[in-house]
Structures are given as C-alpha cells and as structure tokens.
Amino acid sequence: QAQWVESGGGLVQVGGSLRLACAIGTFNRAMSWFRQAPGKDRDDREEVASINWSGIPWYEDSVKGRFSISRDKAKNMVYLQMDNVKPEDAGVYYCNAEERIWRSAWGQGTQVAVSS
C-alpha cells in the first residue's frame, strides 16, 4: 500500500507563495492534492489539483492561474506551487491517488496558514 508524506506547509502572507511537496514512492498513477479547510471534517476534503502520469494537470476553479501541480518522476515527488495565496487557501493539504480505487491511507498532511 502506497504511503504519502506531505511537507512544505507553513505560514504565508496573502499574495505570497509556498511550495508543497509529496513523496509518493513508486506510485505511478494520477495524483491529487486535497485541502481540508479550517473547521471542516476530513471527509470534506476538497480536491484542488491533480496530475496524471503524462503530466496533464487539472485545477479546481478557485486555484486556476495561481496553483501549479507538477511531478518529478526521478525523485518520486509531486509538488504544488501556490502563488498569489488567498485567505481561503488555508487548511491542511494532503496528497493521495486521484482515482478512489487507488487511494490508500491518508498521510499527516501539511498545514498552510495564511496571514493578512
């Protein structure tokens, strides 16, 4: 079973940037980043971006033009570059397989806090 290790979170000012990283081991299918907004349950995680094995990305409307997802196959990593961060971007970010059939246990996530 694949295990995911997220990192890179922290405190960022509105308009600032942050890069999240996810170690994915040898998993070679589409990956997604999910956000658990403050006060929301884990079951309410929202998918914000995904990338397939060929590198084709998808973005949730609220992050289009600001977030960029990428993967480094050599390093077995998936990244989420967050630019022009907004207050509504705050939350705990998790990575997992995009397709439910391939999802395994959620990692610890990485916390993103946004200050104005």
C-alpha atoms as a PDB file:
ATOM      1  CA  GLN A   1       0.000   0.000   0.000  1.00  0.00           C
ATOM      2  CA  ALA A   2       1.344   3.364  -1.022  1.00  0.00           C
ATOM      3  CA  GLN A   3       2.234   5.866   1.657  1.00  0.00           C
ATOM      4  CA  TRP A   4       2.251   9.574   1.220  1.00  0.00           C
ATOM      5  CA  VAL A   5       4.429  12.080   3.024  1.00  0.00           C
ATOM      6  CA  GLU A   6       3.494  15.714   2.683  1.00  0.00           C
ATOM      7  CA  SER A   7       5.748  18.643   3.531  1.00  0.00           C
ATOM      8  CA  GLY A   8       6.338  22.302   2.807  1.00  0.00           C
ATOM      9  CA  GLY A   9       3.457  23.919   4.616  1.00  0.00           C
ATOM     10  CA  GLY A  10       3.789  26.949   6.820  1.00  0.00           C
ATOM     11  CA  LEU A  11       2.655  30.495   7.353  1.00  0.00           C
ATOM     12  CA  VAL A  12       2.382  32.624   4.242  1.00  0.00           C
ATOM     13  CA  GLN A  13       1.166  36.158   3.734  1.00  0.00           C
ATOM     14  CA  VAL A  14      -1.688  36.966   1.419  1.00  0.00           C
ATOM     15  CA  GLY A  15      -0.209  37.277  -2.042  1.00  0.00           C
ATOM     16  CA  GLY A  16       2.789  35.178  -1.131  1.00  0.00           C
ATOM     17  CA  SER A  17       3.975  31.814  -2.365  1.00  0.00           C
ATOM     18  CA  LEU A  18       4.542  28.369  -0.935  1.00  0.00           C
ATOM     19  CA  ARG A  19       5.569  25.045  -2.447  1.00  0.00           C
ATOM     20  CA  LEU A  20       4.175  21.840  -1.052  1.00  0.00           C
ATOM     21  CA  ALA A  21       5.833  18.504  -1.662  1.00  0.00           C
ATOM     22  CA  CYS A  22       4.542  14.957  -1.563  1.00  0.00           C
ATOM     23  CA  ALA A  23       6.739  11.868  -1.540  1.00  0.00           C
ATOM     24  CA  ILE A  24       4.889   9.159  -3.451  1.00  0.00           C
ATOM     25  CA  GLY A  25       7.333   6.284  -3.571  1.00  0.00           C
ATOM     26  CA  THR A  26       6.955   4.188  -6.691  1.00  0.00           C
ATOM     27  CA  PHE A  27       3.283   5.026  -7.272  1.00  0.00           C
ATOM     28  CA  ASN A  28       2.883   5.710 -10.968  1.00  0.00           C
ATOM     29  CA  ARG A  29      -0.700   6.832 -11.446  1.00  0.00           C
ATOM     30  CA  ALA A  30      -2.516  10.135 -11.270  1.00  0.00           C
ATOM     31  CA  MET A  31      -2.019  12.046  -8.045  1.00  0.00           C
ATOM     32  CA  SER A  32      -4.048  14.791  -6.435  1.00  0.00           C
ATOM     33  CA  TRP A  33      -3.728  17.431  -3.784  1.00  0.00           C
ATOM     34  CA  PHE A  34      -6.633  17.863  -1.386  1.00  0.00           C
ATOM     35  CA  ARG A  35      -7.403  20.623   1.092  1.00  0.00           C
ATOM     36  CA  GLN A  36      -9.177  20.271   4.402  1.00  0.00           C
ATOM     37  CA  ALA A  37     -10.369  23.775   5.177  1.00  0.00           C
ATOM     38  CA  PRO A  38     -10.349  25.032   8.783  1.00  0.00           C
ATOM     39  CA  GLY A  39     -13.356  23.789  10.696  1.00  0.00           C
ATOM     40  CA  LYS A  40     -14.185  21.145   8.111  1.00  0.00           C
ATOM     41  CA  ASP A  41     -14.148  17.414   8.660  1.00  0.00           C
ATOM     42  CA  ARG A  42     -11.633  15.169   6.974  1.00  0.00           C
ATOM     43  CA  ASP A  43     -14.498  13.738   4.932  1.00  0.00           C
ATOM     44  CA  ASP A  44     -14.954  17.209   3.455  1.00  0.00           C
ATOM     45  CA  ARG A  45     -11.522  17.324   1.893  1.00  0.00           C
ATOM     46  CA  GLU A  46     -11.665  19.186  -1.396  1.00  0.00           C
ATOM     47  CA  GLU A  47      -9.595  18.180  -4.370  1.00  0.00           C
ATOM     48  CA  VAL A  48      -7.740  21.238  -5.617  1.00  0.00           C
ATOM     49  CA  ALA A  49      -5.381  19.856  -8.249  1.00  0.00           C
ATOM     50  CA  SER A  50      -4.356  16.640  -9.920  1.00  0.00           C
ATOM     51  CA  ILE A  51      -1.761  15.435 -12.382  1.00  0.00           C
ATOM     52  CA  ASN A  52      -1.753  12.259 -14.401  1.00  0.00           C
ATOM     53  CA  TRP A  53       1.198  10.098 -15.296  1.00  0.00           C
ATOM     54  CA  SER A  54       1.673  12.003 -18.551  1.00  0.00           C
ATOM     55  CA  GLY A  55       1.861  15.288 -16.694  1.00  0.00           C
ATOM     56  CA  ILE A  56      -1.517  16.672 -17.661  1.00  0.00           C
ATOM     57  CA  PRO A  57      -2.872  18.818 -14.815  1.00  0.00           C
ATOM     58  CA  TRP A  58      -6.344  19.646 -13.591  1.00  0.00           C
ATOM     59  CA  TYR A  59      -7.251  22.504 -11.238  1.00  0.00           C
ATOM     60  CA  GLU A  60     -10.259  23.399  -9.198  1.00  0.00           C
ATOM     61  CA  ASP A  61     -11.648  26.733 -10.382  1.00  0.00           C
ATOM     62  CA  SER A  62     -10.646  28.742  -7.329  1.00  0.00           C
ATOM     63  CA  VAL A  63      -6.952  27.936  -7.764  1.00  0.00           C
ATOM     64  CA  LYS A  64      -6.656  28.138 -11.537  1.00  0.00           C
ATOM     65  CA  GLY A  65      -3.945  30.540 -12.564  1.00  0.00           C
ATOM     66  CA  ARG A  66      -2.458  30.582  -9.053  1.00  0.00           C
ATOM     67  CA  PHE A  67      -1.515  26.976  -8.255  1.00  0.00           C
ATOM     68  CA  SER A  68       0.670  24.713 -10.319  1.00  0.00           C
ATOM     69  CA  ILE A  69       0.997  20.970  -9.841  1.00  0.00           C
ATOM     70  CA  SER A  70       3.992  19.043 -11.101  1.00  0.00           C
ATOM     71  CA  ARG A  71       5.679  15.711 -10.618  1.00  0.00           C
ATOM     72  CA  ASP A  72       9.296  14.648 -10.684  1.00  0.00           C
ATOM     73  CA  LYS A  73       9.356  11.020 -11.702  1.00  0.00           C
ATOM     74  CA  ALA A  74      13.055  10.636 -10.971  1.00  0.00           C
ATOM     75  CA  LYS A  75      12.559  11.784  -7.387  1.00  0.00           C
ATOM     76  CA  ASN A  76       9.124  10.188  -6.892  1.00  0.00           C
ATOM     77  CA  MET A  77       7.705  13.528  -5.852  1.00  0.00           C
ATOM     78  CA  VAL A  78       4.613  15.578  -6.609  1.00  0.00           C
ATOM     79  CA  TYR A  79       4.609  19.299  -5.912  1.00  0.00           C
ATOM     80  CA  LEU A  80       2.021  22.012  -5.531  1.00  0.00           C
ATOM     81  CA  GLN A  81       3.293  25.509  -6.190  1.00  0.00           C
ATOM     82  CA  MET A  82       0.959  28.001  -4.564  1.00  0.00           C
ATOM     83  CA  ASP A  83       1.266  31.583  -5.790  1.00  0.00           C
ATOM     84  CA  ASN A  84      -0.782  34.675  -5.002  1.00  0.00           C
ATOM     85  CA  VAL A  85      -2.106  32.881  -1.959  1.00  0.00           C
ATOM     86  CA  LYS A  86      -5.507  33.935  -0.645  1.00  0.00           C
ATOM     87  CA  PRO A  87      -7.039  33.535   2.806  1.00  0.00           C
ATOM     88  CA  GLU A  88      -9.352  30.819   1.517  1.00  0.00           C
ATOM     89  CA  ASP A  89      -6.332  28.693   0.620  1.00  0.00           C
ATOM     90  CA  ALA A  90      -5.667  27.997   4.293  1.00  0.00           C
ATOM     91  CA  GLY A  91      -6.040  24.467   5.542  1.00  0.00           C
ATOM     92  CA  VAL A  92      -4.330  21.134   5.784  1.00  0.00           C
ATOM     93  CA  TYR A  93      -3.143  19.834   2.452  1.00  0.00           C
ATOM     94  CA  TYR A  94      -2.962  16.154   1.666  1.00  0.00           C
ATOM     95  CA  CYS A  95      -1.862  14.185  -1.346  1.00  0.00           C
ATOM     96  CA  ASN A  96      -3.354  10.902  -2.464  1.00  0.00           C
ATOM     97  CA  ALA A  97      -4.187   8.998  -5.618  1.00  0.00           C
ATOM     98  CA  GLU A  98      -6.644  10.790  -7.840  1.00  0.00           C
ATOM     99  CA  GLU A  99      -8.690   7.670  -8.527  1.00  0.00           C
ATOM    100  CA  ARG A 100     -10.502   6.370  -5.487  1.00  0.00           C
ATOM    101  CA  ILE A 101      -9.718   2.780  -6.379  1.00  0.00           C
ATOM    102  CA  TRP A 102      -6.032   3.516  -5.883  1.00  0.00           C
ATOM    103  CA  ARG A 103      -6.288   5.627  -2.737  1.00  0.00           C
ATOM    104  CA  SER A 104      -4.534   4.441   0.371  1.00  0.00           C
ATOM    105  CA  ALA A 105      -4.408   5.729   3.904  1.00  0.00           C
ATOM    106  CA  TRP A 106      -4.113   9.477   4.225  1.00  0.00           C
ATOM    107  CA  GLY A 107      -0.857  10.917   5.488  1.00  0.00           C
ATOM    108  CA  GLN A 108      -0.415  13.555   8.151  1.00  0.00           C
ATOM    109  CA  GLY A 109      -0.863  16.389   5.705  1.00  0.00           C
ATOM    110  CA  THR A 110       0.879  19.714   5.800  1.00  0.00           C
ATOM    111  CA  GLN A 111      -0.645  22.820   7.328  1.00  0.00           C
ATOM    112  CA  VAL A 112      -0.959  26.049   5.366  1.00  0.00           C
ATOM    113  CA  ALA A 113      -1.812  29.181   7.322  1.00  0.00           C
ATOM    114  CA  VAL A 114      -2.453  32.491   5.588  1.00  0.00           C
ATOM    115  CA  SER A 115      -1.918  35.843   7.254  1.00  0.00           C
ATOM    116  CA  SER A 116      -3.246  39.149   6.028  1.00  0.00           C
END
